[in-house]
Amino acid sequence: MAEPNRNRKIFIAVFIVFTLLIALLTIDMARRTTAPWNKPKQLERALPGALPSSDTILLDSILGGDNIKDS
């Protein structure tokens, strides 16, 4: 009956290694990814003055972007 016990230990070891590998890959991808709400800040740090001085999203919502006619 030593066979099932050995197989179980191998399974647990492989499961732990696989879980750690997936966790490390996930953390690495998360560190390299920029959240959508941080992109303008990152662009401003990289290229000062590259962003328009006014908030164009607010301007679009005030002017009502629904006025675009289909051609």
Foldseek 3Di string as FASTA:
>chain_A
DVVVVVVVVVVVVVVVVVVVVVVVVVVVVVVPDDDPVCVVVVCCVVPPPPDDPDDVVVVCVVVPVVPDDDD
